[in-house]
N, C-alpha and C. Protein backbone atom coordinates (compact mmCIF):
# COMPACT_ATOMS: atom_id res chain seq x y z
N MET A 1 23.52 -11.91 -11.22
CA MET A 1 22.77 -12.02 -12.46
C MET A 1 23.12 -10.85 -13.36
N ASN A 2 23.46 -11.09 -14.61
CA ASN A 2 23.81 -10.05 -15.55
C ASN A 2 22.56 -9.31 -16.02
N TYR A 3 22.72 -8.06 -16.36
CA TYR A 3 21.61 -7.25 -16.85
C TYR A 3 21.20 -7.69 -18.24
N ASP A 4 19.93 -7.95 -18.41
CA ASP A 4 19.37 -8.35 -19.70
C ASP A 4 18.33 -7.31 -20.09
N PRO A 5 18.60 -6.44 -21.06
CA PRO A 5 17.66 -5.36 -21.39
C PRO A 5 16.33 -5.86 -21.90
N THR A 6 16.27 -7.11 -22.36
CA THR A 6 14.99 -7.65 -22.85
C THR A 6 14.12 -8.14 -21.71
N ARG A 7 14.72 -8.36 -20.52
CA ARG A 7 13.96 -8.87 -19.37
C ARG A 7 13.92 -7.88 -18.22
N HIS A 8 15.03 -7.18 -17.98
CA HIS A 8 15.13 -6.31 -16.82
C HIS A 8 14.86 -4.87 -17.24
N HIS A 9 13.60 -4.54 -17.24
CA HIS A 9 13.23 -3.18 -17.57
C HIS A 9 12.00 -2.81 -16.75
N ARG A 10 11.79 -1.52 -16.55
CA ARG A 10 10.64 -1.04 -15.81
C ARG A 10 9.73 -0.27 -16.73
N ARG A 11 8.46 -0.58 -16.66
CA ARG A 11 7.48 0.14 -17.47
C ARG A 11 6.69 1.06 -16.56
N SER A 12 6.61 2.33 -16.93
CA SER A 12 5.89 3.28 -16.10
C SER A 12 4.41 2.95 -16.10
N VAL A 13 3.80 3.03 -14.92
CA VAL A 13 2.36 2.82 -14.81
C VAL A 13 1.65 4.16 -14.59
N ARG A 14 2.37 5.26 -14.68
CA ARG A 14 1.77 6.57 -14.48
C ARG A 14 1.20 7.12 -15.79
N LEU A 15 0.25 8.01 -15.67
CA LEU A 15 -0.25 8.70 -16.85
C LEU A 15 0.74 9.78 -17.24
N PRO A 16 1.21 9.80 -18.47
CA PRO A 16 2.12 10.88 -18.88
C PRO A 16 1.39 12.21 -18.88
N ALA A 17 2.11 13.25 -18.50
CA ALA A 17 1.60 14.62 -18.53
C ALA A 17 0.44 14.84 -17.56
N TYR A 18 0.31 13.99 -16.53
CA TYR A 18 -0.74 14.20 -15.53
C TYR A 18 -0.10 14.75 -14.26
N ASP A 19 -0.70 15.81 -13.70
CA ASP A 19 -0.15 16.44 -12.51
C ASP A 19 -0.62 15.68 -11.27
N TYR A 20 0.28 14.90 -10.69
CA TYR A 20 -0.09 14.08 -9.55
C TYR A 20 -0.15 14.86 -8.24
N ALA A 21 0.09 16.16 -8.27
CA ALA A 21 -0.08 16.98 -7.09
C ALA A 21 -1.42 17.71 -7.11
N GLN A 22 -2.19 17.58 -8.19
CA GLN A 22 -3.46 18.28 -8.24
C GLN A 22 -4.51 17.50 -7.46
N ALA A 23 -5.60 18.19 -7.14
CA ALA A 23 -6.67 17.54 -6.39
C ALA A 23 -7.24 16.38 -7.19
N GLY A 24 -7.54 15.31 -6.50
CA GLY A 24 -8.15 14.19 -7.18
C GLY A 24 -8.09 12.94 -6.34
N ALA A 25 -8.84 11.93 -6.79
CA ALA A 25 -8.89 10.64 -6.09
C ALA A 25 -8.10 9.62 -6.89
N TYR A 26 -7.38 8.76 -6.18
CA TYR A 26 -6.52 7.77 -6.80
C TYR A 26 -6.74 6.41 -6.15
N PHE A 27 -6.81 5.40 -6.98
CA PHE A 27 -6.85 4.02 -6.49
C PHE A 27 -5.42 3.50 -6.55
N VAL A 28 -4.84 3.19 -5.38
CA VAL A 28 -3.45 2.79 -5.32
C VAL A 28 -3.32 1.36 -4.79
N THR A 29 -2.29 0.68 -5.27
CA THR A 29 -1.97 -0.66 -4.81
C THR A 29 -0.47 -0.75 -4.59
N MET A 30 -0.07 -1.24 -3.41
CA MET A 30 1.33 -1.49 -3.10
C MET A 30 1.49 -2.95 -2.73
N VAL A 31 2.50 -3.59 -3.30
CA VAL A 31 2.70 -5.03 -3.14
C VAL A 31 4.01 -5.28 -2.41
N THR A 32 4.05 -6.33 -1.60
CA THR A 32 5.27 -6.66 -0.87
C THR A 32 6.36 -7.19 -1.79
N HIS A 33 7.59 -7.11 -1.32
CA HIS A 33 8.74 -7.63 -2.05
C HIS A 33 8.55 -9.12 -2.34
N ARG A 34 8.62 -9.47 -3.61
CA ARG A 34 8.44 -10.85 -4.08
C ARG A 34 7.08 -11.44 -3.70
N ARG A 35 6.12 -10.56 -3.45
CA ARG A 35 4.74 -10.96 -3.15
C ARG A 35 4.65 -11.86 -1.93
N GLN A 36 5.58 -11.74 -1.00
CA GLN A 36 5.54 -12.58 0.19
C GLN A 36 4.41 -12.12 1.13
N CYS A 37 3.75 -13.07 1.75
CA CYS A 37 2.61 -12.77 2.63
C CYS A 37 3.12 -12.40 4.01
N LEU A 38 3.46 -11.14 4.18
CA LEU A 38 4.06 -10.65 5.42
C LEU A 38 3.06 -10.06 6.39
N PHE A 39 1.84 -9.78 5.94
CA PHE A 39 0.93 -8.97 6.74
C PHE A 39 -0.18 -9.75 7.44
N GLY A 40 -0.33 -11.03 7.15
CA GLY A 40 -1.39 -11.80 7.79
C GLY A 40 -1.87 -12.91 6.88
N GLU A 41 -3.09 -13.35 7.10
CA GLU A 41 -3.65 -14.42 6.29
C GLU A 41 -5.15 -14.21 6.14
N ILE A 42 -5.73 -14.99 5.24
CA ILE A 42 -7.16 -14.90 4.98
C ILE A 42 -7.79 -16.26 5.22
N ALA A 43 -8.89 -16.25 5.96
CA ALA A 43 -9.66 -17.46 6.19
C ALA A 43 -11.14 -17.09 6.17
N ASP A 44 -11.92 -17.88 5.45
CA ASP A 44 -13.37 -17.63 5.36
C ASP A 44 -13.68 -16.22 4.89
N GLY A 45 -12.87 -15.73 3.95
CA GLY A 45 -13.14 -14.42 3.37
C GLY A 45 -12.84 -13.25 4.28
N ARG A 46 -12.10 -13.47 5.35
CA ARG A 46 -11.75 -12.40 6.28
C ARG A 46 -10.24 -12.33 6.47
N VAL A 47 -9.74 -11.11 6.56
CA VAL A 47 -8.31 -10.90 6.76
C VAL A 47 -8.00 -10.85 8.25
N THR A 48 -6.98 -11.60 8.66
CA THR A 48 -6.45 -11.51 10.02
C THR A 48 -5.03 -10.96 9.92
N LEU A 49 -4.82 -9.77 10.45
CA LEU A 49 -3.51 -9.13 10.36
C LEU A 49 -2.61 -9.62 11.49
N ASN A 50 -1.33 -9.84 11.14
CA ASN A 50 -0.33 -10.12 12.17
C ASN A 50 0.29 -8.79 12.60
N PRO A 51 1.29 -8.78 13.48
CA PRO A 51 1.87 -7.49 13.92
C PRO A 51 2.40 -6.63 12.78
N CYS A 52 2.97 -7.24 11.74
CA CYS A 52 3.45 -6.45 10.60
C CYS A 52 2.27 -5.79 9.88
N GLY A 53 1.18 -6.54 9.73
CA GLY A 53 -0.01 -5.97 9.10
C GLY A 53 -0.61 -4.85 9.93
N GLN A 54 -0.55 -4.99 11.25
CA GLN A 54 -1.04 -3.93 12.12
C GLN A 54 -0.22 -2.66 11.96
N VAL A 55 1.09 -2.83 11.78
CA VAL A 55 1.95 -1.67 11.55
C VAL A 55 1.52 -0.95 10.27
N VAL A 56 1.29 -1.71 9.21
CA VAL A 56 0.88 -1.12 7.94
C VAL A 56 -0.43 -0.35 8.11
N GLU A 57 -1.39 -0.96 8.80
CA GLU A 57 -2.67 -0.29 9.03
C GLU A 57 -2.47 0.99 9.84
N ASP A 58 -1.68 0.92 10.91
CA ASP A 58 -1.44 2.09 11.74
C ASP A 58 -0.81 3.24 10.94
N GLU A 59 0.20 2.91 10.13
CA GLU A 59 0.88 3.95 9.35
C GLU A 59 -0.02 4.52 8.27
N TRP A 60 -0.87 3.67 7.69
CA TRP A 60 -1.81 4.14 6.67
C TRP A 60 -2.78 5.15 7.29
N LEU A 61 -3.35 4.81 8.43
CA LEU A 61 -4.31 5.69 9.09
C LEU A 61 -3.64 6.96 9.62
N ARG A 62 -2.38 6.85 10.01
CA ARG A 62 -1.65 8.00 10.54
C ARG A 62 -1.31 9.01 9.45
N SER A 63 -1.43 8.61 8.20
CA SER A 63 -1.05 9.49 7.09
C SER A 63 -1.80 10.81 7.11
N THR A 64 -3.07 10.76 7.49
CA THR A 64 -3.85 12.00 7.48
C THR A 64 -3.40 12.96 8.58
N GLN A 65 -2.76 12.44 9.62
CA GLN A 65 -2.31 13.29 10.72
C GLN A 65 -0.98 13.98 10.41
N ILE A 66 -0.13 13.31 9.64
CA ILE A 66 1.21 13.85 9.41
C ILE A 66 1.41 14.39 8.00
N ARG A 67 0.43 14.18 7.12
CA ARG A 67 0.54 14.67 5.74
C ARG A 67 -0.70 15.48 5.40
N PRO A 68 -0.67 16.79 5.64
CA PRO A 68 -1.84 17.63 5.34
C PRO A 68 -2.25 17.50 3.88
N GLY A 69 -3.56 17.53 3.66
CA GLY A 69 -4.05 17.46 2.29
C GLY A 69 -4.35 16.07 1.82
N ILE A 70 -4.05 15.06 2.64
CA ILE A 70 -4.35 13.67 2.30
C ILE A 70 -5.66 13.27 2.99
N ARG A 71 -6.57 12.70 2.24
CA ARG A 71 -7.76 12.10 2.84
C ARG A 71 -7.85 10.66 2.36
N LEU A 72 -8.11 9.76 3.28
CA LEU A 72 -8.19 8.35 2.95
C LEU A 72 -9.64 7.92 2.85
N ASP A 73 -9.91 7.11 1.86
CA ASP A 73 -11.23 6.55 1.67
C ASP A 73 -11.12 5.06 1.99
N THR A 74 -11.87 4.23 1.31
CA THR A 74 -11.86 2.78 1.54
C THR A 74 -10.47 2.21 1.31
N PHE A 75 -10.07 1.25 2.17
CA PHE A 75 -8.80 0.55 1.96
C PHE A 75 -8.91 -0.85 2.54
N ILE A 76 -7.98 -1.71 2.11
CA ILE A 76 -7.89 -3.07 2.64
C ILE A 76 -6.43 -3.48 2.66
N ILE A 77 -6.02 -4.10 3.76
CA ILE A 77 -4.67 -4.66 3.83
C ILE A 77 -4.80 -6.17 3.65
N MET A 78 -4.22 -6.67 2.59
CA MET A 78 -4.24 -8.08 2.26
C MET A 78 -2.93 -8.72 2.74
N PRO A 79 -2.80 -10.04 2.67
CA PRO A 79 -1.57 -10.68 3.16
C PRO A 79 -0.29 -10.13 2.53
N ASN A 80 -0.35 -9.74 1.25
CA ASN A 80 0.88 -9.27 0.60
C ASN A 80 0.71 -7.99 -0.21
N HIS A 81 -0.39 -7.28 0.02
CA HIS A 81 -0.54 -5.99 -0.66
C HIS A 81 -1.59 -5.16 0.06
N ILE A 82 -1.63 -3.90 -0.31
CA ILE A 82 -2.64 -2.98 0.22
C ILE A 82 -3.29 -2.27 -0.95
N HIS A 83 -4.62 -2.20 -0.93
CA HIS A 83 -5.40 -1.39 -1.86
C HIS A 83 -5.97 -0.22 -1.07
N GLY A 84 -5.97 0.95 -1.66
CA GLY A 84 -6.58 2.08 -0.98
C GLY A 84 -6.95 3.19 -1.94
N ILE A 85 -7.91 4.00 -1.52
CA ILE A 85 -8.29 5.19 -2.26
C ILE A 85 -7.73 6.39 -1.51
N VAL A 86 -6.96 7.20 -2.21
CA VAL A 86 -6.32 8.38 -1.63
C VAL A 86 -6.86 9.61 -2.35
N VAL A 87 -7.34 10.58 -1.58
CA VAL A 87 -7.81 11.85 -2.14
C VAL A 87 -6.83 12.92 -1.72
N MET A 88 -6.34 13.66 -2.70
CA MET A 88 -5.30 14.65 -2.44
C MET A 88 -5.76 16.05 -2.82
N GLY A 89 -5.27 17.05 -2.05
CA GLY A 89 -5.40 18.44 -2.46
C GLY A 89 -6.77 19.05 -2.28
N GLU A 90 -7.60 18.52 -1.35
CA GLU A 90 -8.93 19.09 -1.17
C GLU A 90 -8.92 20.35 -0.30
N GLN A 91 -7.99 20.44 0.65
CA GLN A 91 -7.97 21.58 1.55
C GLN A 91 -7.43 22.81 0.84
N THR A 92 -7.83 23.97 1.35
CA THR A 92 -7.33 25.22 0.78
C THR A 92 -6.55 26.04 1.80
N THR A 93 -6.88 25.89 3.11
CA THR A 93 -6.16 26.62 4.14
C THR A 93 -5.93 25.72 5.33
N VAL A 94 -4.94 26.08 6.14
CA VAL A 94 -4.62 25.37 7.37
C VAL A 94 -4.51 26.39 8.48
N VAL A 95 -5.14 26.13 9.62
CA VAL A 95 -5.08 27.06 10.75
C VAL A 95 -3.76 26.87 11.48
N GLY A 96 -3.07 27.98 11.78
CA GLY A 96 -1.79 27.91 12.46
C GLY A 96 -1.92 27.41 13.88
N ALA A 97 -0.85 26.84 14.41
CA ALA A 97 -0.87 26.23 15.74
C ALA A 97 -1.12 27.26 16.83
N HIS A 98 -0.64 28.51 16.65
CA HIS A 98 -0.76 29.53 17.70
C HIS A 98 -1.55 30.73 17.21
N SER A 99 -2.40 30.51 16.23
CA SER A 99 -3.15 31.62 15.68
C SER A 99 -4.44 31.10 15.07
N CYS A 100 -5.44 31.94 15.07
CA CYS A 100 -6.71 31.58 14.42
C CYS A 100 -6.69 31.95 12.95
N ALA A 101 -5.66 32.66 12.52
CA ALA A 101 -5.59 33.07 11.13
C ALA A 101 -5.17 31.89 10.26
N PRO A 102 -5.86 31.69 9.15
CA PRO A 102 -5.48 30.58 8.27
C PRO A 102 -4.14 30.81 7.60
N LEU A 103 -3.38 29.75 7.47
CA LEU A 103 -2.10 29.81 6.78
C LEU A 103 -2.28 29.28 5.36
N PRO A 104 -1.44 29.72 4.43
CA PRO A 104 -1.55 29.18 3.07
C PRO A 104 -1.37 27.66 3.09
N TYR A 105 -2.20 26.98 2.37
CA TYR A 105 -2.13 25.52 2.33
C TYR A 105 -1.05 25.07 1.34
N ARG A 106 -0.19 24.18 1.78
CA ARG A 106 0.83 23.59 0.92
C ARG A 106 0.50 22.12 0.69
N PRO A 107 0.08 21.78 -0.49
CA PRO A 107 -0.30 20.38 -0.74
C PRO A 107 0.92 19.48 -0.76
N PRO A 108 0.73 18.17 -0.60
CA PRO A 108 1.85 17.25 -0.73
C PRO A 108 2.48 17.42 -2.11
N ARG A 109 3.77 17.13 -2.21
CA ARG A 109 4.46 17.33 -3.48
C ARG A 109 3.84 16.51 -4.59
N SER A 110 3.43 15.28 -4.29
CA SER A 110 2.86 14.41 -5.31
C SER A 110 2.32 13.17 -4.65
N LEU A 111 1.57 12.40 -5.41
CA LEU A 111 1.12 11.10 -4.92
C LEU A 111 2.32 10.22 -4.62
N GLY A 112 3.31 10.26 -5.48
CA GLY A 112 4.52 9.46 -5.28
C GLY A 112 5.23 9.81 -3.99
N SER A 113 5.24 11.10 -3.62
CA SER A 113 5.86 11.53 -2.37
C SER A 113 5.13 10.95 -1.18
N PHE A 114 3.81 10.95 -1.23
CA PHE A 114 3.02 10.36 -0.16
C PHE A 114 3.30 8.87 -0.02
N ILE A 115 3.30 8.15 -1.13
CA ILE A 115 3.53 6.70 -1.11
C ILE A 115 4.92 6.40 -0.56
N ALA A 116 5.92 7.16 -1.01
CA ALA A 116 7.29 6.93 -0.54
C ALA A 116 7.39 7.13 0.97
N GLY A 117 6.75 8.17 1.49
CA GLY A 117 6.79 8.42 2.92
C GLY A 117 6.10 7.32 3.71
N PHE A 118 4.95 6.88 3.23
CA PHE A 118 4.22 5.80 3.90
C PHE A 118 5.04 4.51 3.90
N LYS A 119 5.58 4.14 2.75
CA LYS A 119 6.38 2.91 2.66
C LYS A 119 7.58 2.97 3.59
N SER A 120 8.24 4.10 3.62
CA SER A 120 9.44 4.24 4.45
C SER A 120 9.10 4.07 5.92
N ALA A 121 8.03 4.73 6.38
CA ALA A 121 7.65 4.64 7.79
C ALA A 121 7.25 3.22 8.17
N ALA A 122 6.45 2.57 7.31
CA ALA A 122 6.02 1.20 7.59
C ALA A 122 7.20 0.24 7.59
N THR A 123 8.11 0.41 6.64
CA THR A 123 9.27 -0.48 6.55
C THR A 123 10.14 -0.37 7.79
N LYS A 124 10.38 0.85 8.25
CA LYS A 124 11.22 1.05 9.43
C LYS A 124 10.64 0.32 10.64
N ARG A 125 9.35 0.46 10.85
CA ARG A 125 8.73 -0.17 12.01
C ARG A 125 8.66 -1.69 11.87
N ILE A 126 8.38 -2.17 10.66
CA ILE A 126 8.33 -3.62 10.44
C ILE A 126 9.70 -4.24 10.66
N ASN A 127 10.74 -3.59 10.17
CA ASN A 127 12.09 -4.11 10.38
C ASN A 127 12.47 -4.11 11.85
N GLU A 128 11.96 -3.14 12.59
CA GLU A 128 12.25 -3.10 14.03
C GLU A 128 11.62 -4.28 14.76
N ILE A 129 10.36 -4.57 14.48
CA ILE A 129 9.72 -5.68 15.20
C ILE A 129 10.16 -7.03 14.67
N GLY A 130 10.64 -7.06 13.41
CA GLY A 130 11.13 -8.32 12.85
C GLY A 130 12.60 -8.57 13.11
N GLY A 131 13.27 -7.58 13.69
CA GLY A 131 14.68 -7.73 13.99
C GLY A 131 15.55 -7.85 12.76
N ALA A 132 15.13 -7.22 11.67
CA ALA A 132 15.88 -7.35 10.42
C ALA A 132 16.03 -6.00 9.74
N PRO A 133 16.80 -5.09 10.32
CA PRO A 133 16.95 -3.76 9.72
C PRO A 133 17.55 -3.83 8.33
N GLY A 134 17.00 -3.02 7.44
CA GLY A 134 17.52 -2.93 6.08
C GLY A 134 16.92 -3.91 5.10
N HIS A 135 16.08 -4.82 5.55
CA HIS A 135 15.47 -5.78 4.63
C HIS A 135 14.31 -5.15 3.89
N LEU A 136 14.10 -5.60 2.67
CA LEU A 136 13.06 -5.03 1.82
C LEU A 136 11.69 -5.54 2.26
N VAL A 137 10.72 -4.65 2.26
CA VAL A 137 9.34 -5.02 2.57
C VAL A 137 8.46 -4.86 1.34
N TRP A 138 8.69 -3.82 0.54
CA TRP A 138 7.81 -3.49 -0.58
C TRP A 138 8.50 -3.70 -1.94
N GLN A 139 7.69 -3.97 -2.94
CA GLN A 139 8.19 -3.83 -4.30
C GLN A 139 8.55 -2.37 -4.53
N ARG A 140 9.46 -2.15 -5.45
CA ARG A 140 9.99 -0.80 -5.64
C ARG A 140 8.93 0.17 -6.17
N ASN A 141 8.05 -0.32 -7.03
CA ASN A 141 7.06 0.55 -7.66
C ASN A 141 5.73 0.43 -6.94
N TYR A 142 4.73 1.08 -7.46
CA TYR A 142 3.36 0.92 -7.00
C TYR A 142 2.45 1.14 -8.20
N PHE A 143 1.19 0.78 -8.04
CA PHE A 143 0.23 0.93 -9.11
C PHE A 143 -0.82 1.94 -8.70
N GLU A 144 -1.27 2.73 -9.64
CA GLU A 144 -2.31 3.68 -9.32
C GLU A 144 -3.16 3.98 -10.55
N ARG A 145 -4.39 4.37 -10.27
CA ARG A 145 -5.31 4.75 -11.33
C ARG A 145 -6.10 5.97 -10.85
N VAL A 146 -6.25 6.94 -11.72
CA VAL A 146 -7.04 8.12 -11.41
C VAL A 146 -8.52 7.73 -11.41
N ILE A 147 -9.23 8.12 -10.37
CA ILE A 147 -10.68 7.89 -10.30
C ILE A 147 -11.36 9.14 -10.82
N ARG A 148 -12.11 9.01 -11.90
CA ARG A 148 -12.56 10.18 -12.64
C ARG A 148 -13.97 10.65 -12.28
N ASN A 149 -14.77 9.80 -11.68
CA ASN A 149 -16.14 10.21 -11.37
C ASN A 149 -16.69 9.35 -10.23
N GLU A 150 -17.88 9.71 -9.75
CA GLU A 150 -18.45 9.03 -8.60
C GLU A 150 -18.80 7.57 -8.91
N GLU A 151 -19.23 7.31 -10.12
CA GLU A 151 -19.55 5.92 -10.49
C GLU A 151 -18.32 5.03 -10.39
N GLU A 152 -17.21 5.52 -10.91
CA GLU A 152 -15.97 4.75 -10.82
C GLU A 152 -15.51 4.63 -9.37
N LEU A 153 -15.69 5.70 -8.60
CA LEU A 153 -15.33 5.66 -7.18
C LEU A 153 -16.07 4.55 -6.46
N ASN A 154 -17.36 4.42 -6.71
CA ASN A 154 -18.15 3.38 -6.05
C ASN A 154 -17.74 1.99 -6.51
N ARG A 155 -17.38 1.83 -7.78
CA ARG A 155 -16.91 0.53 -8.27
C ARG A 155 -15.61 0.13 -7.58
N VAL A 156 -14.71 1.10 -7.41
CA VAL A 156 -13.43 0.80 -6.76
C VAL A 156 -13.65 0.45 -5.29
N ARG A 157 -14.53 1.19 -4.63
CA ARG A 157 -14.84 0.86 -3.24
C ARG A 157 -15.35 -0.57 -3.11
N GLN A 158 -16.23 -0.96 -4.02
CA GLN A 158 -16.77 -2.32 -3.96
C GLN A 158 -15.69 -3.35 -4.21
N TYR A 159 -14.81 -3.07 -5.17
CA TYR A 159 -13.71 -3.99 -5.47
C TYR A 159 -12.82 -4.18 -4.24
N ILE A 160 -12.50 -3.08 -3.56
CA ILE A 160 -11.65 -3.17 -2.37
C ILE A 160 -12.34 -3.99 -1.29
N ASN A 161 -13.61 -3.72 -1.05
CA ASN A 161 -14.33 -4.44 -0.01
C ASN A 161 -14.47 -5.93 -0.30
N ASP A 162 -14.54 -6.28 -1.60
CA ASP A 162 -14.71 -7.69 -1.98
C ASP A 162 -13.39 -8.45 -2.05
N ASN A 163 -12.27 -7.74 -1.93
CA ASN A 163 -10.96 -8.36 -2.15
C ASN A 163 -10.70 -9.60 -1.31
N PRO A 164 -10.97 -9.60 -0.02
CA PRO A 164 -10.68 -10.81 0.77
C PRO A 164 -11.45 -12.04 0.29
N GLU A 165 -12.70 -11.85 -0.14
CA GLU A 165 -13.50 -12.98 -0.60
C GLU A 165 -13.00 -13.53 -1.92
N ARG A 166 -12.21 -12.74 -2.64
CA ARG A 166 -11.70 -13.17 -3.95
C ARG A 166 -10.22 -13.54 -3.90
N TRP A 167 -9.70 -13.76 -2.71
CA TRP A 167 -8.28 -14.04 -2.55
C TRP A 167 -7.83 -15.24 -3.37
N GLU A 168 -8.64 -16.26 -3.46
CA GLU A 168 -8.24 -17.46 -4.20
C GLU A 168 -7.98 -17.16 -5.67
N GLU A 169 -8.65 -16.15 -6.22
CA GLU A 169 -8.45 -15.80 -7.63
C GLU A 169 -7.55 -14.58 -7.82
N ASP A 170 -7.09 -13.99 -6.72
CA ASP A 170 -6.30 -12.75 -6.77
C ASP A 170 -4.97 -13.01 -7.46
N ARG A 171 -4.60 -12.15 -8.39
CA ARG A 171 -3.33 -12.35 -9.11
C ARG A 171 -2.12 -12.14 -8.20
N GLU A 172 -2.33 -11.46 -7.06
CA GLU A 172 -1.23 -11.29 -6.11
C GLU A 172 -1.09 -12.48 -5.17
N ASN A 173 -2.04 -13.40 -5.18
CA ASN A 173 -1.96 -14.60 -4.34
C ASN A 173 -0.82 -15.47 -4.85
N PRO A 174 0.19 -15.76 -4.01
CA PRO A 174 1.33 -16.55 -4.47
C PRO A 174 0.94 -17.91 -5.04
N ASN A 175 -0.17 -18.46 -4.62
CA ASN A 175 -0.61 -19.74 -5.16
C ASN A 175 -0.97 -19.66 -6.64
N ASN A 176 -1.29 -18.47 -7.11
CA ASN A 176 -1.74 -18.31 -8.49
C ASN A 176 -0.61 -17.96 -9.45
N VAL A 177 0.59 -17.73 -8.93
CA VAL A 177 1.69 -17.31 -9.81
C VAL A 177 2.91 -18.19 -9.65
N GLY A 178 2.75 -19.32 -8.98
CA GLY A 178 3.85 -20.27 -8.89
C GLY A 178 4.98 -19.86 -7.98
N GLU A 179 4.67 -19.04 -6.96
CA GLU A 179 5.72 -18.67 -6.02
C GLU A 179 6.17 -19.88 -5.21
N PRO A 180 7.44 -20.03 -4.92
CA PRO A 180 7.90 -21.16 -4.12
C PRO A 180 7.55 -21.01 -2.65
N ASN A 181 7.72 -22.09 -1.92
CA ASN A 181 7.58 -22.10 -0.46
C ASN A 181 6.19 -21.71 0.00
N VAL A 182 5.18 -22.18 -0.71
CA VAL A 182 3.82 -21.90 -0.29
C VAL A 182 3.40 -22.91 0.75
N GLY A 183 2.82 -22.43 1.84
CA GLY A 183 2.45 -23.31 2.94
C GLY A 183 1.20 -24.12 2.65
N ALA A 184 0.81 -24.91 3.63
CA ALA A 184 -0.37 -25.74 3.48
C ALA A 184 -1.62 -24.89 3.50
N HIS A 185 -2.73 -25.48 3.06
CA HIS A 185 -4.04 -24.84 3.08
C HIS A 185 -4.08 -23.60 2.21
N GLY A 186 -3.26 -23.55 1.17
CA GLY A 186 -3.32 -22.43 0.24
C GLY A 186 -2.80 -21.13 0.77
N ARG A 187 -1.99 -21.13 1.80
CA ARG A 187 -1.46 -19.89 2.34
C ARG A 187 0.06 -19.90 2.26
N ALA A 188 0.63 -18.76 1.88
CA ALA A 188 2.09 -18.66 1.89
C ALA A 188 2.57 -18.47 3.32
N PRO A 189 3.72 -19.00 3.66
CA PRO A 189 4.23 -18.82 5.02
C PRO A 189 4.57 -17.36 5.27
N LEU A 190 4.48 -16.94 6.52
CA LEU A 190 4.76 -15.56 6.88
C LEU A 190 6.27 -15.39 7.03
N ARG A 191 6.98 -15.61 5.93
CA ARG A 191 8.44 -15.59 5.95
C ARG A 191 8.95 -14.66 4.85
N HIS A 192 9.83 -13.78 5.25
CA HIS A 192 10.46 -12.87 4.30
C HIS A 192 11.43 -13.65 3.44
N PRO A 193 11.59 -13.28 2.15
CA PRO A 193 12.52 -14.02 1.30
C PRO A 193 13.94 -14.03 1.81
N ASP A 194 14.31 -13.07 2.68
CA ASP A 194 15.65 -13.06 3.22
C ASP A 194 15.76 -13.86 4.53
N GLY A 195 14.67 -14.50 4.94
CA GLY A 195 14.79 -15.44 6.02
C GLY A 195 14.12 -15.13 7.33
N TRP A 196 13.69 -13.85 7.56
CA TRP A 196 13.08 -13.56 8.85
C TRP A 196 11.57 -13.66 8.75
N THR A 197 10.92 -13.85 9.87
CA THR A 197 9.47 -13.96 9.91
C THR A 197 8.90 -12.86 10.79
N CYS A 198 7.69 -12.47 10.48
CA CYS A 198 7.01 -11.51 11.35
C CYS A 198 6.56 -12.25 12.61
N PRO A 199 6.81 -11.70 13.80
CA PRO A 199 6.41 -12.40 15.01
C PRO A 199 4.90 -12.58 15.06
N THR A 200 4.45 -13.68 15.64
CA THR A 200 3.04 -13.95 15.77
C THR A 200 2.49 -13.17 16.95
N PRO A 201 1.17 -12.85 16.92
CA PRO A 201 0.59 -12.07 18.03
C PRO A 201 0.73 -12.81 19.35
């Protein structure tokens, strides 16, 4: 396909001149490549994760162990995307492994650095269990919004918690955007666009 500058362009979703390494809470959304439902399915307003979805959940929760300065709040893994609240830069010191003296705290480089590391780790493990190394799992970009106060924080938490019950109206639901190869009962098949499927439990 030839490059068409009127169609093939990327629009930044970041706030200009905002320091994404400073302390703060962020509402983030990451979507799978071509919105394929790789992580599980929804029935009766509840998410059932398949092995690929379990990998995503494991790597998300592991983030606080391997990335100092990251705190996770409410999150949900949907069939083809993840919503989560990430709080960055709250810590000020870290205790050394062989000393009681606090070490200077080094915050993550940025929100983007955290997201890139999470995506990379999840992709590697998903490709391993799917037997398809090098295949794309995520869309290249991600979406985020700065959470500015407690009222907004509570609204975002509620939105995340309600997400499975609103799947039929979700804009990421392939049934709502005319994606091909949608399975019966309103669910997209657990098939990657390049042909491999996530193994069933």
